[in-house]
């Protein structure tokens, strides 16, 4: 029975090794730590209120910021991106040359056909006029 009465007044502290610490000592330590936590909480509340005041002061002052340099950088970045996009959208040089050569071939084929047609017409007219000349020459 002596052991049961001893357990109520003293507790074994698992973190303090094998020493027995009295309940009063544990209560004193815990109350001291609680007081320290309260003090830390008060300090945190004061710091938070100071931060809130500082933020409010900054919002109220509305400090002007020169954004000209930022705008210039932004415009140059946008122009660079637009130029790169234009380059990407354009067809490659090989494709351009292929299209140019195809157009030149097509134009030269049409021109060749036109000149062949003109040559045949001119030849027919030349033969006609030669025959007319021969008839006139034969009649004289």
Protein backbone atom coordinates (compact mmCIF):
# COMPACT_ATOMS: atom_id res chain seq x y z
CA UNK A 1 0.00 0.00 0.00
CA UNK A 2 2.86 2.23 0.60
CA UNK A 3 3.72 2.03 -3.09
CA UNK A 4 0.24 3.27 -4.16
CA UNK A 5 0.37 6.32 -1.93
CA UNK A 6 3.87 7.05 -3.17
CA UNK A 7 2.72 6.98 -6.83
CA UNK A 8 0.09 9.65 -6.28
CA UNK A 9 2.52 12.19 -4.91
CA UNK A 10 5.46 11.43 -7.18
CA UNK A 11 5.51 10.67 -10.88
CA UNK A 12 8.26 9.13 -12.86
CA UNK A 13 9.55 11.52 -15.54
CA UNK A 14 10.42 9.54 -18.63
CA UNK A 15 12.57 12.35 -20.05
CA UNK A 16 14.63 13.07 -16.98
CA UNK A 17 16.22 9.66 -16.70
CA UNK A 18 15.49 7.56 -13.65
CA UNK A 19 15.12 10.35 -11.15
CA UNK A 20 11.81 10.86 -9.42
CA UNK A 21 10.41 14.39 -9.69
CA UNK A 22 7.68 15.60 -7.42
CA UNK A 23 4.37 16.83 -8.77
CA UNK A 24 5.03 20.30 -7.38
CA UNK A 25 8.26 20.56 -9.34
CA UNK A 26 6.54 19.46 -12.57
CA UNK A 27 3.72 21.94 -11.93
CA UNK A 28 6.24 24.72 -11.35
CA UNK A 29 8.15 23.87 -14.54
CA UNK A 30 4.95 23.67 -16.62
CA UNK A 31 3.60 26.94 -15.24
CA UNK A 32 6.93 28.63 -16.02
CA UNK A 33 6.83 27.30 -19.59
CA UNK A 34 3.20 28.43 -19.96
CA UNK A 35 4.22 31.90 -18.76
CA UNK A 36 7.03 31.93 -21.33
CA UNK A 37 4.58 30.90 -24.07
CA UNK A 38 2.22 33.69 -23.01
CA UNK A 39 5.07 36.19 -23.23
CA UNK A 40 6.04 34.87 -26.68
CA UNK A 41 2.40 35.11 -27.75
CA UNK A 42 2.24 38.73 -26.56
CA UNK A 43 5.45 39.51 -28.45
CA UNK A 44 4.04 37.86 -31.60
CA UNK A 45 0.82 39.86 -31.28
CA UNK A 46 2.78 43.10 -30.91
CA UNK A 47 4.95 42.24 -33.91
CA UNK A 48 1.90 41.35 -36.00
CA UNK A 49 0.21 44.64 -35.11
CA UNK A 50 3.40 46.55 -36.01
CA UNK A 51 3.57 44.73 -39.36
CA UNK A 52 -0.11 45.56 -39.99
CA UNK A 53 0.54 49.21 -39.17
CA UNK A 54 3.56 49.27 -41.51
CA UNK A 55 1.55 47.72 -44.33
CA UNK A 56 -1.26 50.20 -43.77
CA UNK A 57 1.23 53.08 -43.83
CA UNK A 58 2.67 51.79 -47.11
CA UNK A 59 -0.82 51.52 -48.61
CA UNK A 60 -1.70 55.00 -47.43
CA UNK A 61 1.49 56.63 -48.72
CA UNK A 62 1.15 55.10 -52.19
CA UNK A 63 4.77 55.48 -53.06
CA UNK A 64 5.10 56.28 -56.76
CA UNK A 65 7.25 53.85 -58.72
CA UNK A 66 8.88 54.75 -62.03
CA UNK A 67 7.78 52.01 -64.41
CA UNK A 68 9.26 53.50 -67.59
CA UNK A 69 12.23 51.11 -67.60
CA UNK A 70 9.93 48.15 -66.98
CA UNK A 71 7.60 49.26 -69.79
CA UNK A 72 10.57 49.65 -72.14
CA UNK A 73 11.79 46.15 -71.28
CA UNK A 74 8.26 44.82 -71.71
CA UNK A 75 7.91 46.43 -75.16
CA UNK A 76 11.30 45.16 -76.31
CA UNK A 77 10.44 41.65 -75.10
CA UNK A 78 7.10 41.74 -76.93
CA UNK A 79 8.77 43.02 -80.12
CA UNK A 80 11.38 40.28 -79.91
CA UNK A 81 8.70 37.61 -79.49
CA UNK A 82 6.67 39.03 -82.41
CA UNK A 83 9.77 38.98 -84.64
CA UNK A 84 10.50 35.39 -83.68
CA UNK A 85 6.88 34.43 -84.35
CA UNK A 86 7.05 36.11 -87.78
CA UNK A 87 10.18 34.12 -88.57
CA UNK A 88 8.50 30.90 -87.47
CA UNK A 89 5.38 31.62 -89.56
CA UNK A 90 7.40 32.35 -92.71
CA UNK A 91 8.14 29.45 -95.05
CA UNK A 92 11.70 28.17 -95.24
CA UNK A 93 14.18 29.41 -97.85
CA UNK A 94 14.13 26.05 -99.64
CA UNK A 95 10.36 26.19 -100.01
CA UNK A 96 10.54 29.78 -101.25
CA UNK A 97 13.11 28.82 -103.91
CA UNK A 98 11.04 25.80 -104.91
CA UNK A 99 7.97 28.02 -105.40
CA UNK A 100 10.01 30.64 -107.34
CA UNK A 101 11.46 27.97 -109.66
CA UNK A 102 8.00 26.46 -110.18
CA UNK A 103 6.58 29.90 -111.08
CA UNK A 104 9.51 30.57 -113.46
CA UNK A 105 8.95 27.18 -115.13
CA UNK A 106 5.23 27.86 -115.48
CA UNK A 107 5.80 31.34 -116.92
CA UNK A 108 8.44 30.08 -119.34
CA UNK A 109 6.10 27.28 -120.50
CA UNK A 110 3.30 29.79 -121.16
CA UNK A 111 5.71 32.15 -122.95
CA UNK A 112 7.09 29.30 -125.04
CA UNK A 113 3.56 28.29 -126.02
CA UNK A 114 2.70 31.87 -126.89
CA UNK A 115 5.80 32.34 -129.06
CA UNK A 116 5.30 28.98 -130.79
CA UNK A 117 1.72 30.01 -131.59
CA UNK A 118 2.89 33.41 -132.85
CA UNK A 119 5.60 31.76 -134.95
CA UNK A 120 3.08 29.43 -136.58
CA UNK A 121 0.73 32.33 -137.31
CA UNK A 122 3.59 34.37 -138.74
CA UNK A 123 4.68 31.41 -140.86
CA UNK A 124 1.15 30.93 -142.22
CA UNK A 125 0.93 34.64 -143.06
CA UNK A 126 4.37 34.57 -144.63
CA UNK A 127 3.42 31.58 -146.82
CA UNK A 128 0.14 33.29 -147.79
CA UNK A 129 1.89 36.51 -148.74
CA UNK A 130 4.61 34.60 -150.59
CA UNK A 131 1.95 32.80 -152.60
CA UNK A 132 0.22 36.09 -153.30
CA UNK A 133 3.53 37.56 -154.44
CA UNK A 134 4.19 34.59 -156.71
CA UNK A 135 0.71 34.93 -158.25
CA UNK A 136 1.23 38.65 -158.84
CA UNK A 137 4.67 37.99 -160.23
CA UNK A 138 3.33 35.21 -162.48
CA UNK A 139 0.56 37.48 -163.84
CA UNK A 140 3.01 40.13 -164.92
